Amino acid sequence: MNMDQLFDRPPRFETARLQMRLLTLEVAADYFAMASSPIVAAETIWRRHETMDDTIGYLQRVMNQYENREAIHWGIVWKETNTLIGRTGLILIDPMHEKAELGYVISDQYWNQGIATEATYPLLNYAFHEIGFNRIEARCRANNIGSYRVMEKLGLTFEGVLRKQLNIQGTYMDQKLYSILREEYVSGSGEG
């Protein structure tokens, strides 16, 4: 696995509608607009950002995770307006076992347009073909239809329900677990 390439020379990705680049403090205002939405926060494991300090603190943690080679997050930018509308990335990286977990969030104004899939597909392709991960997995709340449909469109396989796995704002929640292996991705189930 080529972790040096991932962290020393992280790529930018581009599609017809989107650009994906590392999250930095420069996008704090756009990120706050997304993360402060109660509609978006209702589908995530984190609390809604109530102040710009919440967003700055989050972005600093993301940058620290990057510096420590624990995770890498790309901001999703709508090319037409140069506005950050979400993020995608490898939120938990385990180099020993050559696996990582995907994580993504999209502004509710851009839901149901295929953006999470479009933004994450180049990342998945890069993770398997360039870095050499063996397994990519993703989880979402069991009732988050939009999120698990993204996983299915990316070619991930449903593995099961992690029962009451997370305590989200005082309530234990079930999560669906999906994954894809390098051999599946390269052989075609992930369109790789």
N, C-alpha and C. Protein backbone atom coordinates (compact mmCIF):
# COMPACT_ATOMS: atom_id res chain seq x y z
N MET A 1 0.84 -1.18 0.00
CA MET A 1 0.00 0.00 0.00
C MET A 1 0.89 1.24 0.00
N ASN A 2 0.52 2.22 -0.78
CA ASN A 2 1.35 3.41 -0.96
C ASN A 2 0.79 4.59 -0.15
N MET A 3 1.01 4.55 1.17
CA MET A 3 0.50 5.61 2.04
C MET A 3 1.21 6.94 1.79
N ASP A 4 2.48 6.88 1.40
CA ASP A 4 3.20 8.13 1.12
C ASP A 4 2.53 8.90 -0.01
N GLN A 5 2.12 8.20 -1.05
CA GLN A 5 1.44 8.87 -2.16
C GLN A 5 0.14 9.50 -1.69
N LEU A 6 -0.60 8.78 -0.86
CA LEU A 6 -1.89 9.27 -0.39
C LEU A 6 -1.73 10.57 0.39
N PHE A 7 -0.75 10.63 1.29
CA PHE A 7 -0.62 11.80 2.16
C PHE A 7 0.39 12.83 1.70
N ASP A 8 1.40 12.41 0.94
CA ASP A 8 2.40 13.38 0.49
C ASP A 8 2.00 14.05 -0.82
N ARG A 9 1.22 13.36 -1.64
CA ARG A 9 0.81 13.90 -2.94
C ARG A 9 -0.68 13.63 -3.19
N PRO A 10 -1.54 14.08 -2.27
CA PRO A 10 -2.97 13.80 -2.47
C PRO A 10 -3.50 14.49 -3.72
N PRO A 11 -4.22 13.76 -4.52
CA PRO A 11 -4.72 14.36 -5.77
C PRO A 11 -5.96 15.22 -5.54
N ARG A 12 -6.23 16.02 -6.53
CA ARG A 12 -7.55 16.65 -6.67
C ARG A 12 -8.28 15.80 -7.69
N PHE A 13 -9.58 15.70 -7.52
CA PHE A 13 -10.39 14.95 -8.47
C PHE A 13 -11.35 15.92 -9.14
N GLU A 14 -11.75 15.58 -10.36
CA GLU A 14 -12.68 16.44 -11.07
C GLU A 14 -13.62 15.58 -11.90
N THR A 15 -14.88 15.98 -11.91
CA THR A 15 -15.89 15.36 -12.77
C THR A 15 -16.52 16.49 -13.59
N ALA A 16 -17.53 16.16 -14.34
CA ALA A 16 -18.19 17.18 -15.17
C ALA A 16 -18.74 18.33 -14.32
N ARG A 17 -19.28 18.01 -13.14
CA ARG A 17 -19.92 19.04 -12.32
C ARG A 17 -19.12 19.46 -11.10
N LEU A 18 -18.14 18.62 -10.70
CA LEU A 18 -17.54 18.77 -9.37
C LEU A 18 -16.02 18.81 -9.41
N GLN A 19 -15.48 19.44 -8.37
CA GLN A 19 -14.05 19.34 -8.06
C GLN A 19 -13.95 18.87 -6.61
N MET A 20 -13.00 17.98 -6.35
CA MET A 20 -12.77 17.52 -5.00
C MET A 20 -11.34 17.89 -4.62
N ARG A 21 -11.21 18.66 -3.54
CA ARG A 21 -9.90 19.08 -3.06
C ARG A 21 -9.87 19.02 -1.54
N LEU A 22 -8.68 18.93 -0.97
CA LEU A 22 -8.55 18.77 0.47
C LEU A 22 -9.32 19.85 1.22
N LEU A 23 -9.96 19.44 2.29
CA LEU A 23 -10.67 20.39 3.14
C LEU A 23 -9.67 21.25 3.90
N THR A 24 -9.90 22.55 3.91
CA THR A 24 -9.06 23.49 4.65
C THR A 24 -9.97 24.53 5.30
N LEU A 25 -9.37 25.37 6.11
CA LEU A 25 -10.13 26.44 6.77
C LEU A 25 -10.69 27.44 5.78
N GLU A 26 -10.16 27.50 4.58
CA GLU A 26 -10.64 28.45 3.57
C GLU A 26 -12.12 28.24 3.22
N VAL A 27 -12.63 27.03 3.44
CA VAL A 27 -14.02 26.74 3.08
C VAL A 27 -14.95 26.78 4.29
N ALA A 28 -14.49 27.37 5.39
CA ALA A 28 -15.26 27.33 6.64
C ALA A 28 -16.68 27.89 6.48
N ALA A 29 -16.83 29.00 5.77
CA ALA A 29 -18.17 29.60 5.64
C ALA A 29 -19.12 28.66 4.89
N ASP A 30 -18.64 28.08 3.79
CA ASP A 30 -19.48 27.14 3.04
C ASP A 30 -19.77 25.88 3.86
N TYR A 31 -18.75 25.39 4.57
CA TYR A 31 -18.96 24.18 5.36
C TYR A 31 -19.98 24.45 6.48
N PHE A 32 -19.88 25.62 7.10
CA PHE A 32 -20.85 25.97 8.14
C PHE A 32 -22.26 26.01 7.58
N ALA A 33 -22.44 26.56 6.38
CA ALA A 33 -23.77 26.62 5.77
C ALA A 33 -24.36 25.23 5.63
N MET A 34 -23.54 24.25 5.30
CA MET A 34 -24.02 22.88 5.16
C MET A 34 -24.21 22.22 6.52
N ALA A 35 -23.21 22.31 7.39
CA ALA A 35 -23.22 21.57 8.65
C ALA A 35 -24.16 22.18 9.68
N SER A 36 -24.62 23.40 9.46
CA SER A 36 -25.57 24.01 10.39
C SER A 36 -27.02 23.67 10.04
N SER A 37 -27.22 22.98 8.94
CA SER A 37 -28.57 22.60 8.53
C SER A 37 -29.10 21.48 9.42
N PRO A 38 -30.23 21.68 10.07
CA PRO A 38 -30.79 20.59 10.89
C PRO A 38 -31.18 19.37 10.06
N ILE A 39 -31.51 19.60 8.79
CA ILE A 39 -31.89 18.49 7.90
C ILE A 39 -30.68 17.61 7.62
N VAL A 40 -29.53 18.22 7.37
CA VAL A 40 -28.30 17.47 7.12
C VAL A 40 -27.86 16.76 8.40
N ALA A 41 -27.82 17.48 9.51
CA ALA A 41 -27.34 16.90 10.77
C ALA A 41 -28.21 15.74 11.23
N ALA A 42 -29.48 15.75 10.88
CA ALA A 42 -30.38 14.66 11.29
C ALA A 42 -29.96 13.32 10.69
N GLU A 43 -29.21 13.34 9.59
CA GLU A 43 -28.78 12.10 8.93
C GLU A 43 -27.36 11.69 9.27
N THR A 44 -26.73 12.40 10.20
CA THR A 44 -25.33 12.14 10.52
C THR A 44 -25.17 11.71 11.97
N ILE A 45 -23.93 11.38 12.34
CA ILE A 45 -23.66 11.03 13.73
C ILE A 45 -23.18 12.24 14.52
N TRP A 46 -22.95 13.37 13.87
CA TRP A 46 -22.46 14.55 14.57
C TRP A 46 -23.58 15.56 14.78
N ARG A 47 -23.35 16.41 15.76
CA ARG A 47 -24.33 17.46 16.07
C ARG A 47 -24.24 18.59 15.04
N ARG A 48 -25.38 19.21 14.81
CA ARG A 48 -25.44 20.37 13.93
C ARG A 48 -24.50 21.45 14.42
N HIS A 49 -23.77 22.07 13.50
CA HIS A 49 -22.89 23.18 13.86
C HIS A 49 -23.75 24.40 14.16
N GLU A 50 -23.58 24.94 15.36
CA GLU A 50 -24.38 26.09 15.77
C GLU A 50 -23.64 27.40 15.62
N THR A 51 -22.31 27.33 15.62
CA THR A 51 -21.50 28.54 15.46
C THR A 51 -20.37 28.26 14.47
N MET A 52 -19.77 29.34 13.98
CA MET A 52 -18.62 29.19 13.09
C MET A 52 -17.47 28.51 13.84
N ASP A 53 -17.39 28.71 15.14
CA ASP A 53 -16.34 28.04 15.93
C ASP A 53 -16.49 26.52 15.86
N ASP A 54 -17.73 26.02 15.81
CA ASP A 54 -17.95 24.57 15.66
C ASP A 54 -17.31 24.08 14.36
N THR A 55 -17.52 24.84 13.31
CA THR A 55 -17.00 24.46 12.00
C THR A 55 -15.48 24.57 11.96
N ILE A 56 -14.94 25.65 12.49
CA ILE A 56 -13.49 25.81 12.50
C ILE A 56 -12.84 24.70 13.33
N GLY A 57 -13.43 24.36 14.46
CA GLY A 57 -12.91 23.26 15.27
C GLY A 57 -12.94 21.94 14.52
N TYR A 58 -14.03 21.70 13.80
CA TYR A 58 -14.14 20.47 13.01
C TYR A 58 -13.07 20.43 11.93
N LEU A 59 -12.93 21.52 11.17
CA LEU A 59 -11.95 21.55 10.09
C LEU A 59 -10.53 21.41 10.62
N GLN A 60 -10.25 21.97 11.79
CA GLN A 60 -8.93 21.79 12.39
C GLN A 60 -8.69 20.32 12.77
N ARG A 61 -9.71 19.65 13.28
CA ARG A 61 -9.58 18.21 13.59
C ARG A 61 -9.31 17.41 12.31
N VAL A 62 -10.03 17.75 11.24
CA VAL A 62 -9.83 17.07 9.96
C VAL A 62 -8.39 17.27 9.47
N MET A 63 -7.88 18.49 9.58
CA MET A 63 -6.51 18.77 9.14
C MET A 63 -5.50 18.04 10.03
N ASN A 64 -5.78 17.93 11.33
CA ASN A 64 -4.90 17.19 12.24
C ASN A 64 -4.90 15.70 11.89
N GLN A 65 -6.07 15.15 11.57
CA GLN A 65 -6.14 13.74 11.16
C GLN A 65 -5.30 13.51 9.91
N TYR A 66 -5.35 14.46 9.00
CA TYR A 66 -4.55 14.37 7.78
C TYR A 66 -3.06 14.40 8.12
N GLU A 67 -2.66 15.35 8.94
CA GLU A 67 -1.25 15.46 9.33
C GLU A 67 -0.77 14.20 10.03
N ASN A 68 -1.64 13.56 10.81
CA ASN A 68 -1.30 12.33 11.53
C ASN A 68 -1.51 11.07 10.69
N ARG A 69 -1.92 11.24 9.41
CA ARG A 69 -2.13 10.14 8.47
C ARG A 69 -3.20 9.15 8.95
N GLU A 70 -4.24 9.70 9.56
CA GLU A 70 -5.34 8.89 10.07
C GLU A 70 -6.56 8.92 9.16
N ALA A 71 -6.71 10.02 8.43
CA ALA A 71 -7.89 10.22 7.58
C ALA A 71 -7.56 11.28 6.55
N ILE A 72 -8.37 11.30 5.48
CA ILE A 72 -8.20 12.33 4.45
C ILE A 72 -9.58 12.69 3.91
N HIS A 73 -9.89 13.97 3.95
CA HIS A 73 -11.20 14.47 3.56
C HIS A 73 -11.05 15.45 2.39
N TRP A 74 -11.86 15.24 1.38
CA TRP A 74 -11.90 16.17 0.25
C TRP A 74 -13.20 16.95 0.31
N GLY A 75 -13.11 18.25 0.10
CA GLY A 75 -14.30 19.06 -0.06
C GLY A 75 -14.86 18.87 -1.45
N ILE A 76 -16.17 18.83 -1.55
CA ILE A 76 -16.85 18.69 -2.84
C ILE A 76 -17.31 20.09 -3.25
N VAL A 77 -16.78 20.56 -4.37
CA VAL A 77 -17.06 21.92 -4.84
C VAL A 77 -17.89 21.86 -6.12
N TRP A 78 -19.00 22.58 -6.13
CA TRP A 78 -19.84 22.71 -7.32
C TRP A 78 -19.13 23.67 -8.26
N LYS A 79 -18.67 23.17 -9.39
CA LYS A 79 -17.81 23.96 -10.28
C LYS A 79 -18.49 25.23 -10.78
N GLU A 80 -19.75 25.15 -11.06
CA GLU A 80 -20.47 26.29 -11.65
C GLU A 80 -20.40 27.54 -10.78
N THR A 81 -20.41 27.35 -9.44
CA THR A 81 -20.41 28.48 -8.51
C THR A 81 -19.17 28.54 -7.64
N ASN A 82 -18.29 27.53 -7.74
CA ASN A 82 -17.10 27.41 -6.90
C ASN A 82 -17.47 27.40 -5.41
N THR A 83 -18.59 26.73 -5.10
CA THR A 83 -19.10 26.66 -3.74
C THR A 83 -18.92 25.24 -3.20
N LEU A 84 -18.44 25.14 -1.96
CA LEU A 84 -18.35 23.85 -1.31
C LEU A 84 -19.76 23.37 -0.97
N ILE A 85 -20.09 22.15 -1.39
CA ILE A 85 -21.44 21.62 -1.15
C ILE A 85 -21.42 20.30 -0.39
N GLY A 86 -20.24 19.86 0.04
CA GLY A 86 -20.16 18.62 0.79
C GLY A 86 -18.73 18.19 0.97
N ARG A 87 -18.59 16.97 1.46
CA ARG A 87 -17.26 16.38 1.59
C ARG A 87 -17.36 14.89 1.38
N THR A 88 -16.23 14.29 0.99
CA THR A 88 -16.10 12.85 0.88
C THR A 88 -14.69 12.51 1.31
N GLY A 89 -14.47 11.28 1.73
CA GLY A 89 -13.12 10.95 2.12
C GLY A 89 -13.00 9.59 2.78
N LEU A 90 -11.77 9.30 3.14
CA LEU A 90 -11.45 8.10 3.88
C LEU A 90 -11.32 8.52 5.33
N ILE A 91 -12.37 8.25 6.11
CA ILE A 91 -12.46 8.84 7.45
C ILE A 91 -11.75 8.01 8.51
N LEU A 92 -11.51 6.75 8.25
CA LEU A 92 -10.73 5.89 9.14
C LEU A 92 -9.83 5.03 8.27
N ILE A 93 -8.54 5.20 8.43
CA ILE A 93 -7.58 4.45 7.62
C ILE A 93 -6.81 3.49 8.52
N ASP A 94 -6.77 2.24 8.12
CA ASP A 94 -6.06 1.19 8.86
C ASP A 94 -5.01 0.59 7.92
N PRO A 95 -3.78 1.16 7.92
CA PRO A 95 -2.76 0.68 6.98
C PRO A 95 -2.34 -0.77 7.24
N MET A 96 -2.38 -1.21 8.48
CA MET A 96 -1.96 -2.58 8.78
C MET A 96 -2.82 -3.60 8.04
N HIS A 97 -4.12 -3.33 7.98
CA HIS A 97 -5.05 -4.25 7.33
C HIS A 97 -5.46 -3.78 5.94
N GLU A 98 -4.82 -2.71 5.48
CA GLU A 98 -5.06 -2.16 4.15
C GLU A 98 -6.54 -1.90 3.89
N LYS A 99 -7.18 -1.24 4.85
CA LYS A 99 -8.60 -0.93 4.70
C LYS A 99 -8.86 0.50 5.16
N ALA A 100 -10.00 1.00 4.74
CA ALA A 100 -10.43 2.34 5.13
C ALA A 100 -11.95 2.40 5.11
N GLU A 101 -12.48 3.40 5.78
CA GLU A 101 -13.92 3.63 5.79
C GLU A 101 -14.23 4.91 5.04
N LEU A 102 -15.22 4.83 4.15
CA LEU A 102 -15.70 6.01 3.44
C LEU A 102 -16.62 6.82 4.32
N GLY A 103 -16.58 8.11 4.12
CA GLY A 103 -17.55 8.99 4.78
C GLY A 103 -17.85 10.15 3.85
N TYR A 104 -19.10 10.55 3.78
CA TYR A 104 -19.48 11.65 2.90
C TYR A 104 -20.70 12.34 3.47
N VAL A 105 -20.87 13.59 3.10
CA VAL A 105 -22.05 14.37 3.46
C VAL A 105 -22.24 15.41 2.38
N ILE A 106 -23.49 15.67 2.05
CA ILE A 106 -23.85 16.61 0.99
C ILE A 106 -24.87 17.61 1.54
N SER A 107 -24.75 18.85 1.14
CA SER A 107 -25.75 19.86 1.48
C SER A 107 -27.12 19.40 1.01
N ASP A 108 -28.14 19.58 1.84
CA ASP A 108 -29.48 19.11 1.49
C ASP A 108 -30.01 19.76 0.22
N GLN A 109 -29.51 20.91 -0.16
CA GLN A 109 -29.94 21.55 -1.41
C GLN A 109 -29.51 20.76 -2.64
N TYR A 110 -28.57 19.83 -2.45
CA TYR A 110 -28.03 19.06 -3.58
C TYR A 110 -28.33 17.57 -3.47
N TRP A 111 -29.23 17.20 -2.57
CA TRP A 111 -29.61 15.79 -2.43
C TRP A 111 -30.33 15.30 -3.69
N ASN A 112 -30.28 14.01 -3.89
CA ASN A 112 -31.00 13.32 -4.97
C ASN A 112 -30.56 13.77 -6.37
N GLN A 113 -29.28 14.15 -6.49
CA GLN A 113 -28.72 14.52 -7.79
C GLN A 113 -27.51 13.67 -8.15
N GLY A 114 -27.25 12.63 -7.35
CA GLY A 114 -26.12 11.74 -7.63
C GLY A 114 -24.76 12.32 -7.28
N ILE A 115 -24.74 13.37 -6.48
CA ILE A 115 -23.48 14.06 -6.20
C ILE A 115 -22.54 13.24 -5.32
N ALA A 116 -23.04 12.63 -4.27
CA ALA A 116 -22.16 11.83 -3.39
C ALA A 116 -21.51 10.69 -4.18
N THR A 117 -22.29 10.05 -5.03
CA THR A 117 -21.74 8.97 -5.86
C THR A 117 -20.71 9.52 -6.83
N GLU A 118 -21.05 10.59 -7.52
CA GLU A 118 -20.14 11.19 -8.50
C GLU A 118 -18.83 11.64 -7.85
N ALA A 119 -18.92 12.21 -6.65
CA ALA A 119 -17.73 12.71 -5.97
C ALA A 119 -16.87 11.60 -5.38
N THR A 120 -17.51 10.51 -4.97
CA THR A 120 -16.79 9.45 -4.26
C THR A 120 -16.21 8.41 -5.22
N TYR A 121 -16.80 8.24 -6.38
CA TYR A 121 -16.30 7.24 -7.32
C TYR A 121 -14.83 7.44 -7.67
N PRO A 122 -14.36 8.66 -8.03
CA PRO A 122 -12.94 8.82 -8.34
C PRO A 122 -12.04 8.49 -7.14
N LEU A 123 -12.50 8.80 -5.94
CA LEU A 123 -11.76 8.48 -4.73
C LEU A 123 -11.63 6.97 -4.56
N LEU A 124 -12.72 6.24 -4.77
CA LEU A 124 -12.70 4.78 -4.66
C LEU A 124 -11.75 4.18 -5.68
N ASN A 125 -11.83 4.67 -6.89
CA ASN A 125 -10.94 4.21 -7.95
C ASN A 125 -9.48 4.44 -7.58
N TYR A 126 -9.18 5.62 -7.08
CA TYR A 126 -7.82 5.97 -6.65
C TYR A 126 -7.36 5.08 -5.49
N ALA A 127 -8.24 4.86 -4.52
CA ALA A 127 -7.88 4.06 -3.34
C ALA A 127 -7.47 2.64 -3.71
N PHE A 128 -8.19 2.04 -4.65
CA PHE A 128 -7.86 0.67 -5.06
C PHE A 128 -6.71 0.62 -6.07
N HIS A 129 -6.77 1.44 -7.11
CA HIS A 129 -5.81 1.34 -8.21
C HIS A 129 -4.46 1.99 -7.90
N GLU A 130 -4.47 3.11 -7.18
CA GLU A 130 -3.22 3.84 -6.95
C GLU A 130 -2.61 3.57 -5.58
N ILE A 131 -3.43 3.48 -4.56
CA ILE A 131 -2.91 3.31 -3.20
C ILE A 131 -2.80 1.84 -2.82
N GLY A 132 -3.74 1.02 -3.28
CA GLY A 132 -3.64 -0.41 -3.01
C GLY A 132 -4.41 -0.91 -1.81
N PHE A 133 -5.48 -0.20 -1.43
CA PHE A 133 -6.31 -0.72 -0.34
C PHE A 133 -6.88 -2.07 -0.73
N ASN A 134 -7.10 -2.93 0.26
CA ASN A 134 -7.73 -4.23 0.04
C ASN A 134 -9.23 -4.15 0.26
N ARG A 135 -9.67 -3.30 1.18
CA ARG A 135 -11.08 -3.24 1.56
C ARG A 135 -11.46 -1.79 1.85
N ILE A 136 -12.61 -1.40 1.33
CA ILE A 136 -13.21 -0.12 1.67
C ILE A 136 -14.59 -0.43 2.22
N GLU A 137 -14.90 0.13 3.36
CA GLU A 137 -16.22 -0.10 3.94
C GLU A 137 -16.89 1.24 4.23
N ALA A 138 -18.17 1.19 4.45
CA ALA A 138 -18.94 2.39 4.77
C ALA A 138 -20.12 1.98 5.63
N ARG A 139 -20.53 2.91 6.48
CA ARG A 139 -21.67 2.68 7.36
C ARG A 139 -22.60 3.88 7.33
N CYS A 140 -23.85 3.62 7.61
CA CYS A 140 -24.81 4.72 7.76
C CYS A 140 -25.91 4.27 8.69
N ARG A 141 -26.66 5.24 9.20
CA ARG A 141 -27.82 4.89 10.01
C ARG A 141 -28.73 4.00 9.17
N ALA A 142 -29.31 3.01 9.82
CA ALA A 142 -30.08 1.99 9.10
C ALA A 142 -31.24 2.59 8.30
N ASN A 143 -31.75 3.74 8.72
CA ASN A 143 -32.88 4.34 8.01
C ASN A 143 -32.47 5.42 7.01
N ASN A 144 -31.18 5.58 6.76
CA ASN A 144 -30.69 6.63 5.86
C ASN A 144 -30.63 6.07 4.43
N ILE A 145 -31.77 6.07 3.77
CA ILE A 145 -31.89 5.48 2.44
C ILE A 145 -30.94 6.12 1.44
N GLY A 146 -30.83 7.44 1.46
CA GLY A 146 -29.96 8.13 0.52
C GLY A 146 -28.52 7.69 0.65
N SER A 147 -28.04 7.53 1.87
CA SER A 147 -26.65 7.16 2.08
C SER A 147 -26.37 5.73 1.65
N TYR A 148 -27.24 4.80 2.00
CA TYR A 148 -26.92 3.42 1.59
C TYR A 148 -27.18 3.20 0.10
N ARG A 149 -27.98 4.02 -0.53
CA ARG A 149 -28.10 3.93 -2.00
C ARG A 149 -26.81 4.39 -2.67
N VAL A 150 -26.13 5.37 -2.10
CA VAL A 150 -24.82 5.78 -2.63
C VAL A 150 -23.86 4.59 -2.56
N MET A 151 -23.84 3.91 -1.42
CA MET A 151 -22.95 2.76 -1.26
C MET A 151 -23.25 1.68 -2.31
N GLU A 152 -24.52 1.44 -2.52
CA GLU A 152 -24.91 0.42 -3.52
C GLU A 152 -24.50 0.86 -4.93
N LYS A 153 -24.70 2.13 -5.26
CA LYS A 153 -24.32 2.63 -6.59
C LYS A 153 -22.81 2.55 -6.81
N LEU A 154 -22.04 2.66 -5.73
CA LEU A 154 -20.59 2.56 -5.82
C LEU A 154 -20.11 1.11 -5.90
N GLY A 155 -21.03 0.16 -5.77
CA GLY A 155 -20.68 -1.25 -5.89
C GLY A 155 -20.41 -1.95 -4.58
N LEU A 156 -20.65 -1.28 -3.46
CA LEU A 156 -20.43 -1.91 -2.17
C LEU A 156 -21.52 -2.94 -1.89
N THR A 157 -21.16 -3.97 -1.14
CA THR A 157 -22.07 -5.06 -0.79
C THR A 157 -22.55 -4.90 0.64
N PHE A 158 -23.85 -5.07 0.85
CA PHE A 158 -24.43 -5.00 2.20
C PHE A 158 -23.95 -6.21 3.00
N GLU A 159 -23.36 -5.95 4.16
CA GLU A 159 -22.86 -7.03 5.01
C GLU A 159 -23.77 -7.32 6.19
N GLY A 160 -24.51 -6.33 6.64
CA GLY A 160 -25.39 -6.58 7.77
C GLY A 160 -25.67 -5.31 8.55
N VAL A 161 -26.45 -5.49 9.61
CA VAL A 161 -26.81 -4.37 10.48
C VAL A 161 -26.02 -4.50 11.77
N LEU A 162 -25.36 -3.42 12.14
CA LEU A 162 -24.65 -3.33 13.41
C LEU A 162 -25.67 -2.78 14.41
N ARG A 163 -26.18 -3.66 15.24
CA ARG A 163 -27.32 -3.31 16.09
C ARG A 163 -26.91 -2.37 17.22
N LYS A 164 -27.67 -1.27 17.32
CA LYS A 164 -27.46 -0.26 18.35
C LYS A 164 -25.97 0.02 18.54
N GLN A 165 -25.30 0.26 17.44
CA GLN A 165 -23.86 0.41 17.44
C GLN A 165 -23.39 1.76 17.94
N LEU A 166 -24.14 2.81 17.66
CA LEU A 166 -23.71 4.15 18.05
C LEU A 166 -24.74 4.82 18.95
N ASN A 167 -24.24 5.59 19.90
CA ASN A 167 -25.09 6.40 20.76
C ASN A 167 -25.09 7.80 20.15
N ILE A 168 -26.17 8.13 19.46
CA ILE A 168 -26.27 9.42 18.78
C ILE A 168 -27.27 10.29 19.54
N GLN A 169 -26.73 11.30 20.19
CA GLN A 169 -27.53 12.24 20.95
C GLN A 169 -28.46 11.53 21.93
N GLY A 170 -27.92 10.51 22.62
CA GLY A 170 -28.66 9.82 23.67
C GLY A 170 -29.49 8.64 23.22
N THR A 171 -29.50 8.34 21.94
CA THR A 171 -30.27 7.21 21.42
C THR A 171 -29.34 6.24 20.70
N TYR A 172 -29.43 4.96 21.05
CA TYR A 172 -28.62 3.96 20.37
C TYR A 172 -29.23 3.67 19.00
N MET A 173 -28.38 3.73 17.99
CA MET A 173 -28.84 3.59 16.61
C MET A 173 -28.19 2.38 15.94
N ASP A 174 -29.01 1.70 15.11
CA ASP A 174 -28.49 0.64 14.25
C ASP A 174 -27.80 1.29 13.06
N GLN A 175 -26.78 0.61 12.54
CA GLN A 175 -26.11 1.08 11.34
C GLN A 175 -26.01 -0.06 10.34
N LYS A 176 -26.15 0.29 9.06
CA LYS A 176 -25.92 -0.68 7.99
C LYS A 176 -24.44 -0.62 7.62
N LEU A 177 -23.86 -1.79 7.40
CA LEU A 177 -22.46 -1.90 7.01
C LEU A 177 -22.36 -2.44 5.60
N TYR A 178 -21.61 -1.75 4.76
CA TYR A 178 -21.35 -2.14 3.38
C TYR A 178 -19.84 -2.21 3.17
N SER A 179 -19.40 -2.99 2.19
CA SER A 179 -17.98 -3.01 1.85
C SER A 179 -17.78 -3.43 0.40
N ILE A 180 -16.57 -3.17 -0.07
CA ILE A 180 -16.13 -3.67 -1.37
C ILE A 180 -14.65 -4.00 -1.24
N LEU A 181 -14.27 -5.11 -1.85
CA LEU A 181 -12.88 -5.57 -1.83
C LEU A 181 -12.20 -5.20 -3.14
N ARG A 182 -10.89 -5.05 -3.09
CA ARG A 182 -10.13 -4.69 -4.29
C ARG A 182 -10.43 -5.66 -5.43
N GLU A 183 -10.45 -6.97 -5.14
CA GLU A 183 -10.67 -7.95 -6.22
C GLU A 183 -12.06 -7.80 -6.84
N GLU A 184 -13.05 -7.40 -6.05
CA GLU A 184 -14.40 -7.17 -6.59
C GLU A 184 -14.42 -5.91 -7.43
N TYR A 185 -13.78 -4.87 -6.93
CA TYR A 185 -13.77 -3.60 -7.63
C TYR A 185 -13.07 -3.72 -8.98
N VAL A 186 -11.90 -4.32 -8.98
CA VAL A 186 -11.11 -4.44 -10.20
C VAL A 186 -11.77 -5.37 -11.19
N SER A 187 -12.49 -6.39 -10.69
CA SER A 187 -13.13 -7.34 -11.60
C SER A 187 -14.43 -6.81 -12.18
N GLY A 188 -14.91 -5.68 -11.68
CA GLY A 188 -16.05 -5.07 -12.36
C GLY A 188 -17.24 -4.72 -11.53
N SER A 189 -17.44 -5.29 -10.34
CA SER A 189 -18.65 -4.96 -9.59
C SER A 189 -18.66 -3.50 -9.15
N GLY A 190 -17.50 -2.91 -9.03
CA GLY A 190 -17.42 -1.50 -8.68
C GLY A 190 -17.13 -0.62 -9.87
N GLU A 191 -17.30 -1.16 -11.05
CA GLU A 191 -17.08 -0.42 -12.29
C GLU A 191 -15.63 0.04 -12.42
N GLY A 192 -14.71 -0.64 -11.74
CA GLY A 192 -13.32 -0.21 -11.77
C GLY A 192 -12.56 -0.85 -12.84
